[in-house]
Amino acid sequence: MASRGMHVTTRVDGLNAVIRDLVAIGLEVEDPKDAMSEVARLGAVMAARYAPKLSGRLSRDIRGNRAKAKAVIAAGRVSVPYAGPINYGWAKRGITASGFMQKADRALQPRALRILEGSLNQSIRRRGLA
């Protein structure tokens, strides 16, 4: 069976509730797709920076995908099936976990929150609610 790669998802607890509350007070908030797109792009850059670079193929394969209310950073596919073992390790094969995706996630979290906060604040100001 072909490997589909691995994904790390950055979620912001309470984001859906914040959006729901803003809509309740009259703010027309579209899902923060642009902000999530920026978070996904930035996360992919960070993960590529942390990825081990023997040939560079793995770091070039890392990509960010926005979803409705989350940013997904993906690495690996059929042509790069070793992304998971490199990240998580594979004891039987003597591969030590590098944890490059988790390192990127930890580094991304504070910046992701600032990006989302800025996007929501901009929406609030545009509607004259602040």
N, C-alpha and C. Protein backbone atom coordinates (compact mmCIF):
# COMPACT_ATOMS: atom_id res chain seq x y z
N MET A 1 0.84 -1.18 0.00
CA MET A 1 0.00 0.00 0.00
C MET A 1 0.89 1.25 0.00
N ALA A 2 0.57 2.21 -0.79
CA ALA A 2 1.37 3.43 -0.91
C ALA A 2 1.18 4.33 0.31
N SER A 3 2.25 4.99 0.69
CA SER A 3 2.20 5.91 1.82
C SER A 3 1.55 7.22 1.39
N ARG A 4 0.68 7.74 2.23
CA ARG A 4 0.04 9.01 1.93
C ARG A 4 0.69 10.16 2.67
N GLY A 5 1.72 9.90 3.43
CA GLY A 5 2.41 10.97 4.13
C GLY A 5 1.83 11.21 5.51
N MET A 6 2.18 12.34 6.07
CA MET A 6 1.74 12.67 7.42
C MET A 6 1.31 14.12 7.46
N HIS A 7 0.50 14.44 8.43
CA HIS A 7 -0.03 15.79 8.58
C HIS A 7 0.09 16.22 10.02
N VAL A 8 0.40 17.48 10.22
CA VAL A 8 0.33 18.09 11.54
C VAL A 8 -0.66 19.23 11.41
N THR A 9 -1.65 19.24 12.26
CA THR A 9 -2.69 20.25 12.20
C THR A 9 -2.56 21.19 13.37
N THR A 10 -2.56 22.49 13.06
CA THR A 10 -2.56 23.49 14.13
C THR A 10 -3.99 23.93 14.34
N ARG A 11 -4.50 23.71 15.52
CA ARG A 11 -5.87 24.11 15.85
C ARG A 11 -5.82 25.16 16.94
N VAL A 12 -6.75 26.06 16.89
CA VAL A 12 -6.87 27.08 17.92
C VAL A 12 -8.15 26.79 18.69
N ASP A 13 -7.99 26.32 19.92
CA ASP A 13 -9.16 26.02 20.74
C ASP A 13 -9.98 27.28 20.94
N GLY A 14 -11.27 27.17 20.72
CA GLY A 14 -12.18 28.29 20.96
C GLY A 14 -12.38 29.21 19.77
N LEU A 15 -11.66 28.98 18.66
CA LEU A 15 -11.79 29.86 17.50
C LEU A 15 -13.22 29.85 16.95
N ASN A 16 -13.82 28.69 16.84
CA ASN A 16 -15.19 28.62 16.32
C ASN A 16 -16.15 29.38 17.23
N ALA A 17 -15.96 29.30 18.53
CA ALA A 17 -16.83 30.01 19.47
C ALA A 17 -16.65 31.52 19.33
N VAL A 18 -15.42 31.98 19.14
CA VAL A 18 -15.17 33.41 18.95
C VAL A 18 -15.88 33.90 17.69
N ILE A 19 -15.75 33.16 16.61
CA ILE A 19 -16.40 33.54 15.36
C ILE A 19 -17.92 33.56 15.53
N ARG A 20 -18.46 32.56 16.19
CA ARG A 20 -19.90 32.49 16.43
C ARG A 20 -20.37 33.71 17.24
N ASP A 21 -19.59 34.11 18.27
CA ASP A 21 -19.95 35.27 19.09
C ASP A 21 -19.87 36.56 18.29
N LEU A 22 -18.88 36.69 17.43
CA LEU A 22 -18.75 37.89 16.60
C LEU A 22 -19.92 38.00 15.62
N VAL A 23 -20.34 36.89 15.07
CA VAL A 23 -21.51 36.88 14.18
C VAL A 23 -22.76 37.28 14.96
N ALA A 24 -22.86 36.83 16.19
CA ALA A 24 -24.04 37.15 17.03
C ALA A 24 -24.15 38.64 17.31
N ILE A 25 -23.02 39.36 17.34
CA ILE A 25 -23.10 40.81 17.60
C ILE A 25 -23.15 41.62 16.30
N GLY A 26 -23.27 40.92 15.18
CA GLY A 26 -23.48 41.62 13.92
C GLY A 26 -22.31 41.67 12.98
N LEU A 27 -21.22 41.07 13.33
CA LEU A 27 -20.06 41.07 12.46
C LEU A 27 -20.16 39.91 11.47
N GLU A 28 -20.06 40.23 10.20
CA GLU A 28 -20.10 39.18 9.18
C GLU A 28 -18.69 38.63 9.03
N VAL A 29 -18.44 37.55 9.70
CA VAL A 29 -17.10 36.95 9.69
C VAL A 29 -17.12 35.73 8.79
N GLU A 30 -16.38 35.83 7.71
CA GLU A 30 -16.18 34.66 6.88
C GLU A 30 -15.15 33.81 7.62
N ASP A 31 -15.18 32.52 7.45
CA ASP A 31 -14.15 31.70 8.08
C ASP A 31 -12.80 32.35 7.79
N PRO A 32 -11.92 32.39 8.76
CA PRO A 32 -10.65 33.12 8.58
C PRO A 32 -9.70 32.39 7.63
N LYS A 33 -10.15 32.21 6.39
CA LYS A 33 -9.39 31.43 5.42
C LYS A 33 -8.05 32.07 5.07
N ASP A 34 -8.03 33.39 4.90
CA ASP A 34 -6.77 34.03 4.55
C ASP A 34 -5.75 33.89 5.67
N ALA A 35 -6.21 34.05 6.90
CA ALA A 35 -5.31 33.91 8.05
C ALA A 35 -4.83 32.46 8.15
N MET A 36 -5.71 31.50 7.95
CA MET A 36 -5.32 30.09 8.01
C MET A 36 -4.35 29.75 6.88
N SER A 37 -4.55 30.37 5.73
CA SER A 37 -3.63 30.16 4.61
C SER A 37 -2.23 30.67 4.97
N GLU A 38 -2.15 31.82 5.61
CA GLU A 38 -0.87 32.37 6.04
C GLU A 38 -0.23 31.48 7.11
N VAL A 39 -1.02 30.99 8.05
CA VAL A 39 -0.49 30.09 9.09
C VAL A 39 0.04 28.81 8.45
N ALA A 40 -0.69 28.26 7.50
CA ALA A 40 -0.26 27.03 6.83
C ALA A 40 1.03 27.27 6.04
N ARG A 41 1.11 28.40 5.35
CA ARG A 41 2.31 28.73 4.58
C ARG A 41 3.53 28.87 5.51
N LEU A 42 3.35 29.62 6.58
CA LEU A 42 4.42 29.83 7.54
C LEU A 42 4.83 28.51 8.21
N GLY A 43 3.86 27.69 8.55
CA GLY A 43 4.16 26.39 9.16
C GLY A 43 4.97 25.49 8.23
N ALA A 44 4.64 25.52 6.94
CA ALA A 44 5.39 24.72 5.98
C ALA A 44 6.83 25.20 5.87
N VAL A 45 7.03 26.51 5.88
CA VAL A 45 8.38 27.08 5.84
C VAL A 45 9.17 26.64 7.07
N MET A 46 8.52 26.72 8.24
CA MET A 46 9.20 26.34 9.48
C MET A 46 9.53 24.86 9.50
N ALA A 47 8.59 24.01 9.10
CA ALA A 47 8.83 22.57 9.09
C ALA A 47 9.96 22.22 8.12
N ALA A 48 9.99 22.87 6.97
CA ALA A 48 11.07 22.63 6.01
C ALA A 48 12.42 23.03 6.60
N ARG A 49 12.42 24.09 7.39
CA ARG A 49 13.66 24.54 8.03
C ARG A 49 14.16 23.51 9.04
N TYR A 50 13.24 22.87 9.76
CA TYR A 50 13.61 21.88 10.79
C TYR A 50 13.88 20.48 10.21
N ALA A 51 13.41 20.21 9.02
CA ALA A 51 13.57 18.87 8.43
C ALA A 51 15.03 18.57 8.15
N PRO A 52 15.46 17.33 8.44
CA PRO A 52 16.83 16.94 8.09
C PRO A 52 17.03 17.05 6.57
N LYS A 53 18.22 17.45 6.16
CA LYS A 53 18.45 17.69 4.73
C LYS A 53 19.60 16.85 4.20
N LEU A 54 19.31 15.60 3.91
CA LEU A 54 20.33 14.77 3.28
C LEU A 54 20.37 15.13 1.79
N SER A 55 19.23 15.00 1.12
CA SER A 55 19.15 15.39 -0.29
C SER A 55 18.35 16.69 -0.46
N GLY A 56 17.54 17.04 0.55
CA GLY A 56 16.68 18.22 0.44
C GLY A 56 15.30 17.92 -0.11
N ARG A 57 15.10 16.69 -0.55
CA ARG A 57 13.81 16.32 -1.16
C ARG A 57 12.66 16.39 -0.15
N LEU A 58 12.90 15.94 1.08
CA LEU A 58 11.86 15.99 2.11
C LEU A 58 11.45 17.42 2.42
N SER A 59 12.41 18.29 2.63
CA SER A 59 12.06 19.68 2.98
C SER A 59 11.35 20.37 1.82
N ARG A 60 11.67 20.02 0.59
CA ARG A 60 10.97 20.61 -0.57
C ARG A 60 9.55 20.09 -0.70
N ASP A 61 9.27 18.93 -0.11
CA ASP A 61 7.93 18.32 -0.22
C ASP A 61 6.94 18.87 0.81
N ILE A 62 7.40 19.54 1.83
CA ILE A 62 6.51 20.01 2.90
C ILE A 62 5.65 21.14 2.37
N ARG A 63 4.35 21.05 2.64
CA ARG A 63 3.41 22.04 2.11
C ARG A 63 2.34 22.36 3.13
N GLY A 64 1.80 23.54 3.01
CA GLY A 64 0.72 23.97 3.90
C GLY A 64 -0.58 24.02 3.14
N ASN A 65 -1.63 23.55 3.78
CA ASN A 65 -2.97 23.57 3.19
C ASN A 65 -3.94 24.20 4.18
N ARG A 66 -4.71 25.14 3.72
CA ARG A 66 -5.70 25.71 4.62
C ARG A 66 -6.95 24.88 4.55
N ALA A 67 -7.63 24.86 5.65
CA ALA A 67 -8.93 24.21 5.72
C ALA A 67 -9.88 25.21 6.35
N LYS A 68 -11.10 24.81 6.59
CA LYS A 68 -12.11 25.74 7.06
C LYS A 68 -11.68 26.52 8.30
N ALA A 69 -11.29 25.84 9.34
CA ALA A 69 -10.90 26.54 10.57
C ALA A 69 -9.62 25.94 11.14
N LYS A 70 -8.72 25.52 10.24
CA LYS A 70 -7.46 24.96 10.71
C LYS A 70 -6.43 25.10 9.60
N ALA A 71 -5.19 25.02 10.00
CA ALA A 71 -4.08 25.02 9.06
C ALA A 71 -3.43 23.65 9.13
N VAL A 72 -3.22 23.03 7.99
CA VAL A 72 -2.64 21.69 7.94
C VAL A 72 -1.30 21.76 7.24
N ILE A 73 -0.28 21.23 7.90
CA ILE A 73 1.05 21.16 7.32
C ILE A 73 1.29 19.69 6.99
N ALA A 74 1.61 19.40 5.74
CA ALA A 74 1.76 18.02 5.30
C ALA A 74 3.16 17.76 4.78
N ALA A 75 3.63 16.55 5.02
CA ALA A 75 4.93 16.11 4.50
C ALA A 75 4.80 14.67 4.07
N GLY A 76 5.40 14.36 2.96
CA GLY A 76 5.37 12.99 2.47
C GLY A 76 4.23 12.72 1.53
N ARG A 77 4.45 11.81 0.68
CA ARG A 77 3.49 11.30 -0.30
C ARG A 77 4.13 10.08 -0.91
N VAL A 78 3.56 9.53 -1.94
CA VAL A 78 4.10 8.31 -2.54
C VAL A 78 5.57 8.52 -2.95
N SER A 79 5.89 9.69 -3.48
CA SER A 79 7.26 9.93 -3.94
C SER A 79 8.23 10.24 -2.79
N VAL A 80 7.72 10.53 -1.60
CA VAL A 80 8.55 10.81 -0.43
C VAL A 80 7.98 10.02 0.75
N PRO A 81 8.05 8.68 0.69
CA PRO A 81 7.39 7.84 1.70
C PRO A 81 8.09 7.81 3.06
N TYR A 82 9.26 8.41 3.15
CA TYR A 82 10.05 8.32 4.38
C TYR A 82 9.80 9.48 5.33
N ALA A 83 8.88 10.37 5.03
CA ALA A 83 8.62 11.53 5.90
C ALA A 83 8.22 11.08 7.31
N GLY A 84 7.31 10.13 7.41
CA GLY A 84 6.87 9.65 8.71
C GLY A 84 7.99 9.03 9.52
N PRO A 85 8.74 8.06 8.96
CA PRO A 85 9.84 7.48 9.71
C PRO A 85 10.91 8.50 10.11
N ILE A 86 11.17 9.47 9.28
CA ILE A 86 12.18 10.49 9.63
C ILE A 86 11.65 11.32 10.81
N ASN A 87 10.39 11.68 10.78
CA ASN A 87 9.82 12.50 11.85
C ASN A 87 9.64 11.71 13.14
N TYR A 88 9.02 10.52 13.04
CA TYR A 88 8.65 9.75 14.23
C TYR A 88 9.68 8.69 14.62
N GLY A 89 10.60 8.38 13.71
CA GLY A 89 11.59 7.34 13.98
C GLY A 89 11.08 5.96 13.59
N TRP A 90 12.01 5.04 13.50
CA TRP A 90 11.68 3.66 13.16
C TRP A 90 12.78 2.80 13.77
N ALA A 91 12.56 2.36 15.00
CA ALA A 91 13.57 1.65 15.78
C ALA A 91 14.11 0.42 15.06
N LYS A 92 13.25 -0.36 14.42
CA LYS A 92 13.67 -1.57 13.73
C LYS A 92 14.69 -1.29 12.63
N ARG A 93 14.61 -0.09 12.06
CA ARG A 93 15.52 0.29 10.98
C ARG A 93 16.65 1.21 11.45
N GLY A 94 16.69 1.47 12.76
CA GLY A 94 17.74 2.31 13.30
C GLY A 94 17.58 3.79 12.98
N ILE A 95 16.35 4.20 12.70
CA ILE A 95 16.09 5.61 12.36
C ILE A 95 15.60 6.31 13.63
N THR A 96 16.35 7.30 14.06
CA THR A 96 15.99 8.08 15.24
C THR A 96 15.01 9.17 14.85
N ALA A 97 14.01 9.38 15.67
CA ALA A 97 13.00 10.42 15.39
C ALA A 97 13.65 11.80 15.40
N SER A 98 13.33 12.60 14.39
CA SER A 98 13.85 13.97 14.35
C SER A 98 12.83 14.95 14.93
N GLY A 99 11.54 14.60 14.84
CA GLY A 99 10.49 15.47 15.38
C GLY A 99 10.40 16.83 14.71
N PHE A 100 10.79 16.91 13.43
CA PHE A 100 10.81 18.20 12.76
C PHE A 100 9.42 18.84 12.66
N MET A 101 8.38 18.05 12.51
CA MET A 101 7.02 18.61 12.43
C MET A 101 6.59 19.17 13.79
N GLN A 102 6.89 18.46 14.87
CA GLN A 102 6.52 18.94 16.19
C GLN A 102 7.32 20.19 16.57
N LYS A 103 8.58 20.25 16.18
CA LYS A 103 9.39 21.45 16.43
C LYS A 103 8.77 22.65 15.72
N ALA A 104 8.36 22.45 14.49
CA ALA A 104 7.73 23.53 13.73
C ALA A 104 6.41 23.94 14.37
N ASP A 105 5.63 22.97 14.83
CA ASP A 105 4.35 23.28 15.47
C ASP A 105 4.56 24.13 16.72
N ARG A 106 5.53 23.76 17.54
CA ARG A 106 5.81 24.55 18.76
C ARG A 106 6.26 25.97 18.42
N ALA A 107 7.09 26.10 17.40
CA ALA A 107 7.57 27.43 17.00
C ALA A 107 6.46 28.26 16.36
N LEU A 108 5.53 27.59 15.71
CA LEU A 108 4.46 28.28 14.99
C LEU A 108 3.35 28.79 15.91
N GLN A 109 3.07 28.10 17.00
CA GLN A 109 1.91 28.43 17.82
C GLN A 109 1.78 29.90 18.20
N PRO A 110 2.80 30.55 18.76
CA PRO A 110 2.60 31.96 19.13
C PRO A 110 2.37 32.87 17.92
N ARG A 111 3.04 32.56 16.82
CA ARG A 111 2.86 33.38 15.61
C ARG A 111 1.48 33.15 15.01
N ALA A 112 1.00 31.92 15.06
CA ALA A 112 -0.33 31.61 14.51
C ALA A 112 -1.40 32.39 15.27
N LEU A 113 -1.28 32.44 16.58
CA LEU A 113 -2.25 33.18 17.38
C LEU A 113 -2.24 34.67 17.03
N ARG A 114 -1.05 35.24 16.82
CA ARG A 114 -0.97 36.66 16.44
C ARG A 114 -1.59 36.90 15.07
N ILE A 115 -1.36 35.99 14.12
CA ILE A 115 -1.94 36.12 12.78
C ILE A 115 -3.46 36.08 12.86
N LEU A 116 -4.00 35.11 13.61
CA LEU A 116 -5.46 34.99 13.73
C LEU A 116 -6.06 36.18 14.46
N GLU A 117 -5.41 36.61 15.52
CA GLU A 117 -5.91 37.77 16.27
C GLU A 117 -5.92 39.01 15.38
N GLY A 118 -4.87 39.20 14.61
CA GLY A 118 -4.81 40.35 13.71
C GLY A 118 -5.92 40.31 12.66
N SER A 119 -6.18 39.14 12.13
CA SER A 119 -7.23 38.98 11.12
C SER A 119 -8.61 39.29 11.70
N LEU A 120 -8.89 38.74 12.89
CA LEU A 120 -10.18 39.00 13.52
C LEU A 120 -10.33 40.47 13.90
N ASN A 121 -9.28 41.07 14.42
CA ASN A 121 -9.33 42.49 14.78
C ASN A 121 -9.56 43.36 13.55
N GLN A 122 -8.95 42.99 12.44
CA GLN A 122 -9.15 43.74 11.19
C GLN A 122 -10.61 43.66 10.74
N SER A 123 -11.21 42.48 10.86
CA SER A 123 -12.62 42.32 10.50
C SER A 123 -13.51 43.18 11.40
N ILE A 124 -13.19 43.23 12.68
CA ILE A 124 -13.96 44.03 13.64
C ILE A 124 -13.84 45.52 13.30
N ARG A 125 -12.64 45.99 13.02
CA ARG A 125 -12.42 47.41 12.68
C ARG A 125 -13.12 47.78 11.38
N ARG A 126 -13.08 46.89 10.39
CA ARG A 126 -13.73 47.16 9.10
C ARG A 126 -15.22 47.42 9.28
N ARG A 127 -15.82 46.74 10.22
CA ARG A 127 -17.26 46.90 10.46
C ARG A 127 -17.56 48.03 11.45
N GLY A 128 -16.51 48.71 11.91
CA GLY A 128 -16.71 49.83 12.82
C GLY A 128 -17.15 49.41 14.20
N LEU A 129 -16.81 48.20 14.62
CA LEU A 129 -17.21 47.72 15.94
C LEU A 129 -16.12 47.91 16.98
N ALA A 130 -15.04 48.54 16.61
CA ALA A 130 -13.97 48.79 17.59
C ALA A 130 -13.48 50.22 17.48
